[in-house]
N, C-alpha and C. Protein backbone atom coordinates (compact mmCIF):
# COMPACT_ATOMS: atom_id res chain seq x y z
N UNK A 1 -13.07 7.81 -20.16
CA UNK A 1 -12.39 7.24 -19.04
C UNK A 1 -12.73 5.73 -19.02
N UNK A 2 -11.72 4.99 -18.56
CA UNK A 2 -11.90 3.52 -18.54
C UNK A 2 -11.53 3.02 -17.15
N UNK A 3 -12.37 2.14 -16.60
CA UNK A 3 -12.14 1.53 -15.28
C UNK A 3 -12.55 0.08 -15.41
N UNK A 4 -11.64 -0.78 -15.13
CA UNK A 4 -11.92 -2.23 -15.10
C UNK A 4 -11.74 -2.68 -13.62
N UNK A 5 -12.87 -2.97 -13.00
CA UNK A 5 -12.81 -3.52 -11.66
C UNK A 5 -12.78 -5.02 -11.75
N UNK A 6 -11.90 -5.62 -10.96
CA UNK A 6 -11.72 -7.05 -10.99
C UNK A 6 -12.80 -7.75 -10.13
N UNK A 7 -13.10 -8.93 -10.48
CA UNK A 7 -14.04 -9.74 -9.70
C UNK A 7 -13.52 -10.00 -8.30
N UNK A 8 -14.35 -9.98 -7.30
CA UNK A 8 -13.93 -10.23 -5.94
C UNK A 8 -13.24 -11.60 -5.85
N UNK A 9 -13.69 -12.54 -6.65
CA UNK A 9 -13.12 -13.90 -6.62
C UNK A 9 -11.67 -13.88 -7.17
N UNK A 10 -11.33 -12.91 -8.00
CA UNK A 10 -10.02 -12.86 -8.59
C UNK A 10 -9.03 -12.03 -7.79
N UNK A 11 -9.53 -11.26 -6.84
CA UNK A 11 -8.65 -10.29 -6.10
C UNK A 11 -7.38 -11.01 -5.48
N UNK A 12 -7.61 -12.13 -4.71
CA UNK A 12 -6.42 -12.72 -4.09
C UNK A 12 -5.35 -13.17 -5.07
N UNK A 13 -5.82 -13.82 -6.17
CA UNK A 13 -4.87 -14.25 -7.19
C UNK A 13 -4.15 -13.12 -7.93
N UNK A 14 -4.88 -12.09 -8.31
CA UNK A 14 -4.27 -10.98 -9.00
C UNK A 14 -3.37 -10.19 -8.07
N UNK A 15 -3.71 -10.00 -6.82
CA UNK A 15 -2.84 -9.35 -5.90
C UNK A 15 -1.59 -10.14 -5.64
N UNK A 16 -1.69 -11.43 -5.60
CA UNK A 16 -0.48 -12.29 -5.52
C UNK A 16 0.41 -12.13 -6.73
N UNK A 17 -0.21 -12.17 -7.92
CA UNK A 17 0.57 -12.02 -9.20
C UNK A 17 1.32 -10.68 -9.23
N UNK A 18 0.67 -9.59 -8.75
CA UNK A 18 1.36 -8.30 -8.77
C UNK A 18 2.21 -8.08 -7.49
N UNK A 19 2.31 -9.06 -6.63
CA UNK A 19 3.14 -9.03 -5.43
C UNK A 19 2.90 -7.78 -4.58
N UNK A 20 1.60 -7.48 -4.42
CA UNK A 20 1.26 -6.23 -3.69
C UNK A 20 1.76 -6.26 -2.25
N UNK A 21 1.81 -7.43 -1.59
CA UNK A 21 2.30 -7.52 -0.23
C UNK A 21 3.80 -7.10 -0.15
N UNK A 22 4.53 -7.39 -1.21
CA UNK A 22 5.92 -7.08 -1.27
C UNK A 22 6.19 -5.59 -1.65
N UNK A 23 5.49 -5.15 -2.74
CA UNK A 23 5.76 -3.81 -3.24
C UNK A 23 4.91 -2.68 -2.64
N UNK A 24 3.67 -3.00 -2.26
CA UNK A 24 2.81 -1.98 -1.71
C UNK A 24 2.02 -2.60 -0.57
N UNK A 25 2.74 -2.94 0.57
CA UNK A 25 2.03 -3.59 1.68
C UNK A 25 0.90 -2.70 2.20
N UNK A 26 -0.22 -3.29 2.49
CA UNK A 26 -1.42 -2.61 2.98
C UNK A 26 -2.36 -2.14 1.89
N UNK A 27 -1.97 -2.33 0.63
CA UNK A 27 -2.80 -1.93 -0.51
C UNK A 27 -3.43 -3.16 -1.10
N UNK A 28 -4.70 -3.09 -1.39
CA UNK A 28 -5.37 -4.21 -2.11
C UNK A 28 -5.73 -3.63 -3.47
N UNK A 29 -5.17 -4.14 -4.54
CA UNK A 29 -5.53 -3.72 -5.87
C UNK A 29 -6.89 -4.27 -6.21
N UNK A 30 -7.72 -3.40 -6.85
CA UNK A 30 -9.11 -3.79 -7.18
C UNK A 30 -9.41 -3.65 -8.67
N UNK A 31 -8.45 -3.12 -9.43
CA UNK A 31 -8.72 -2.97 -10.87
C UNK A 31 -7.63 -2.16 -11.49
N UNK A 32 -7.93 -1.70 -12.76
CA UNK A 32 -6.95 -0.87 -13.51
C UNK A 32 -7.68 -0.05 -14.55
N UNK A 33 -6.91 0.75 -15.26
CA UNK A 33 -7.47 1.54 -16.35
C UNK A 33 -7.34 0.76 -17.67
N UNK A 34 -6.93 -0.50 -17.59
CA UNK A 34 -6.75 -1.30 -18.78
C UNK A 34 -5.40 -1.11 -19.39
N UNK A 35 -4.55 -0.29 -18.75
CA UNK A 35 -3.23 0.03 -19.28
C UNK A 35 -2.25 -0.04 -18.10
N UNK A 36 -1.61 1.13 -17.80
CA UNK A 36 -0.52 1.12 -16.82
C UNK A 36 -0.95 1.50 -15.42
N UNK A 37 -2.16 1.92 -15.19
CA UNK A 37 -2.55 2.40 -13.85
C UNK A 37 -3.34 1.35 -13.12
N UNK A 38 -2.85 1.06 -11.86
CA UNK A 38 -3.62 0.15 -10.98
C UNK A 38 -4.41 1.04 -10.03
N UNK A 39 -5.62 0.50 -9.70
CA UNK A 39 -6.46 1.15 -8.70
C UNK A 39 -6.60 0.21 -7.54
N UNK A 40 -6.68 0.80 -6.34
CA UNK A 40 -6.79 -0.05 -5.14
C UNK A 40 -7.36 0.66 -4.00
N UNK A 41 -7.30 -0.05 -2.84
CA UNK A 41 -7.72 0.47 -1.58
C UNK A 41 -6.59 0.36 -0.58
N UNK A 42 -6.33 1.46 0.09
CA UNK A 42 -5.24 1.51 1.12
C UNK A 42 -5.86 1.14 2.43
N UNK A 43 -5.46 -0.03 2.95
CA UNK A 43 -6.01 -0.54 4.23
C UNK A 43 -5.19 -0.15 5.45
N UNK A 44 -4.19 0.70 5.26
CA UNK A 44 -3.30 1.03 6.38
C UNK A 44 -3.89 2.03 7.35
N UNK A 45 -5.06 2.60 7.00
CA UNK A 45 -5.64 3.61 7.87
C UNK A 45 -7.11 3.18 8.17
N UNK A 46 -7.69 3.78 9.19
CA UNK A 46 -9.07 3.47 9.52
C UNK A 46 -9.99 4.09 8.45
N UNK A 47 -9.58 5.17 7.84
CA UNK A 47 -10.35 5.79 6.79
C UNK A 47 -10.19 4.99 5.49
N UNK A 48 -11.29 4.86 4.72
CA UNK A 48 -11.20 4.26 3.42
C UNK A 48 -10.48 5.21 2.48
N UNK A 49 -9.46 4.68 1.82
CA UNK A 49 -8.70 5.52 0.86
C UNK A 49 -8.51 4.73 -0.44
N UNK A 50 -9.06 5.28 -1.53
CA UNK A 50 -8.84 4.71 -2.83
C UNK A 50 -7.55 5.28 -3.41
N UNK A 51 -6.81 4.49 -4.12
CA UNK A 51 -5.50 4.92 -4.65
C UNK A 51 -5.38 4.58 -6.13
N UNK A 52 -4.38 5.26 -6.74
CA UNK A 52 -3.94 4.92 -8.06
C UNK A 52 -2.40 4.79 -8.05
N UNK A 53 -1.88 3.86 -8.81
CA UNK A 53 -0.43 3.72 -8.84
C UNK A 53 -0.01 3.11 -10.16
N UNK A 54 1.16 3.43 -10.64
CA UNK A 54 1.58 2.83 -11.91
C UNK A 54 2.04 1.42 -11.71
N UNK A 55 1.58 0.51 -12.59
CA UNK A 55 2.02 -0.89 -12.50
C UNK A 55 3.55 -1.03 -12.68
N UNK A 56 4.13 -0.23 -13.57
CA UNK A 56 5.56 -0.31 -13.86
C UNK A 56 6.47 -0.03 -12.68
N UNK A 57 6.00 0.86 -11.85
CA UNK A 57 6.83 1.24 -10.66
C UNK A 57 6.00 1.13 -9.41
N UNK A 58 5.38 -0.04 -9.20
CA UNK A 58 4.50 -0.24 -8.06
C UNK A 58 5.31 -0.17 -6.79
N UNK A 59 5.08 0.87 -6.01
CA UNK A 59 5.80 1.11 -4.76
C UNK A 59 4.99 2.12 -3.97
N UNK A 60 5.09 2.05 -2.65
CA UNK A 60 4.34 2.97 -1.79
C UNK A 60 4.60 4.45 -2.13
N UNK A 61 5.86 4.77 -2.53
CA UNK A 61 6.21 6.13 -2.87
C UNK A 61 5.45 6.65 -4.11
N UNK A 62 4.92 5.71 -4.95
CA UNK A 62 4.21 6.10 -6.18
C UNK A 62 2.70 6.04 -6.05
N UNK A 63 2.22 5.72 -4.87
CA UNK A 63 0.76 5.63 -4.60
C UNK A 63 0.20 7.03 -4.53
N UNK A 64 -0.84 7.29 -5.26
CA UNK A 64 -1.56 8.55 -5.19
C UNK A 64 -2.96 8.32 -4.62
N UNK A 65 -3.27 9.00 -3.55
CA UNK A 65 -4.58 8.92 -2.98
C UNK A 65 -5.58 9.68 -3.81
N UNK A 66 -6.65 9.05 -4.26
CA UNK A 66 -7.59 9.72 -5.19
C UNK A 66 -9.04 9.71 -4.70
N UNK A 67 -9.25 9.35 -3.45
CA UNK A 67 -10.63 9.46 -2.94
C UNK A 67 -10.84 8.75 -1.63
N UNK A 68 -11.83 9.20 -0.87
CA UNK A 68 -12.16 8.53 0.37
C UNK A 68 -13.57 7.96 0.29
N UNK A 69 -14.27 8.19 -0.80
CA UNK A 69 -15.61 7.58 -1.04
C UNK A 69 -15.58 7.03 -2.44
N UNK A 70 -16.50 6.10 -2.75
CA UNK A 70 -16.55 5.56 -4.09
C UNK A 70 -16.91 6.65 -5.12
N UNK A 71 -17.72 7.59 -4.69
CA UNK A 71 -18.12 8.68 -5.62
C UNK A 71 -16.89 9.55 -5.95
N UNK A 72 -16.11 9.90 -4.93
CA UNK A 72 -14.89 10.71 -5.14
C UNK A 72 -13.88 9.92 -5.98
N UNK A 73 -13.70 8.66 -5.71
CA UNK A 73 -12.87 7.80 -6.49
C UNK A 73 -13.23 7.79 -7.98
N UNK A 74 -14.46 7.56 -8.25
CA UNK A 74 -15.00 7.54 -9.69
C UNK A 74 -14.82 8.94 -10.37
N UNK A 75 -15.12 9.96 -9.60
CA UNK A 75 -14.97 11.36 -10.11
C UNK A 75 -13.52 11.63 -10.47
N UNK A 76 -12.61 11.27 -9.56
CA UNK A 76 -11.19 11.57 -9.80
C UNK A 76 -10.64 10.75 -10.97
N UNK A 77 -11.12 9.56 -11.18
CA UNK A 77 -10.70 8.77 -12.38
C UNK A 77 -11.15 9.48 -13.59
N UNK A 78 -12.34 9.97 -13.61
CA UNK A 78 -12.86 10.71 -14.75
C UNK A 78 -11.99 11.95 -15.00
N UNK A 79 -11.67 12.70 -13.94
CA UNK A 79 -10.87 13.90 -14.09
C UNK A 79 -9.48 13.57 -14.61
N UNK A 80 -8.87 12.45 -14.21
CA UNK A 80 -7.54 12.07 -14.64
C UNK A 80 -7.49 11.88 -16.14
N UNK A 81 -8.59 11.47 -16.75
CA UNK A 81 -8.62 11.20 -18.17
C UNK A 81 -8.95 12.44 -19.04
N UNK A 82 -9.46 13.50 -18.42
CA UNK A 82 -9.83 14.72 -19.17
C UNK A 82 -8.60 15.51 -19.53
């Protein structure tokens, strides 16, 4: 499994480049699998929700919730690759 988390200093610039406010409002992208999958945090709810979404079709309809804790998020990423 591969997870590339972006530097906190790079988050604003990278989220601007991927136009997250336009395509997935309320989502903050935090990294990727080094390929087509973006990972992020859904800020639209009071609960912390980690998400996965394809870069190619970045849209709220394509967001998959994959965890509510960092442990669950990391476990689900591992499971996605198995």
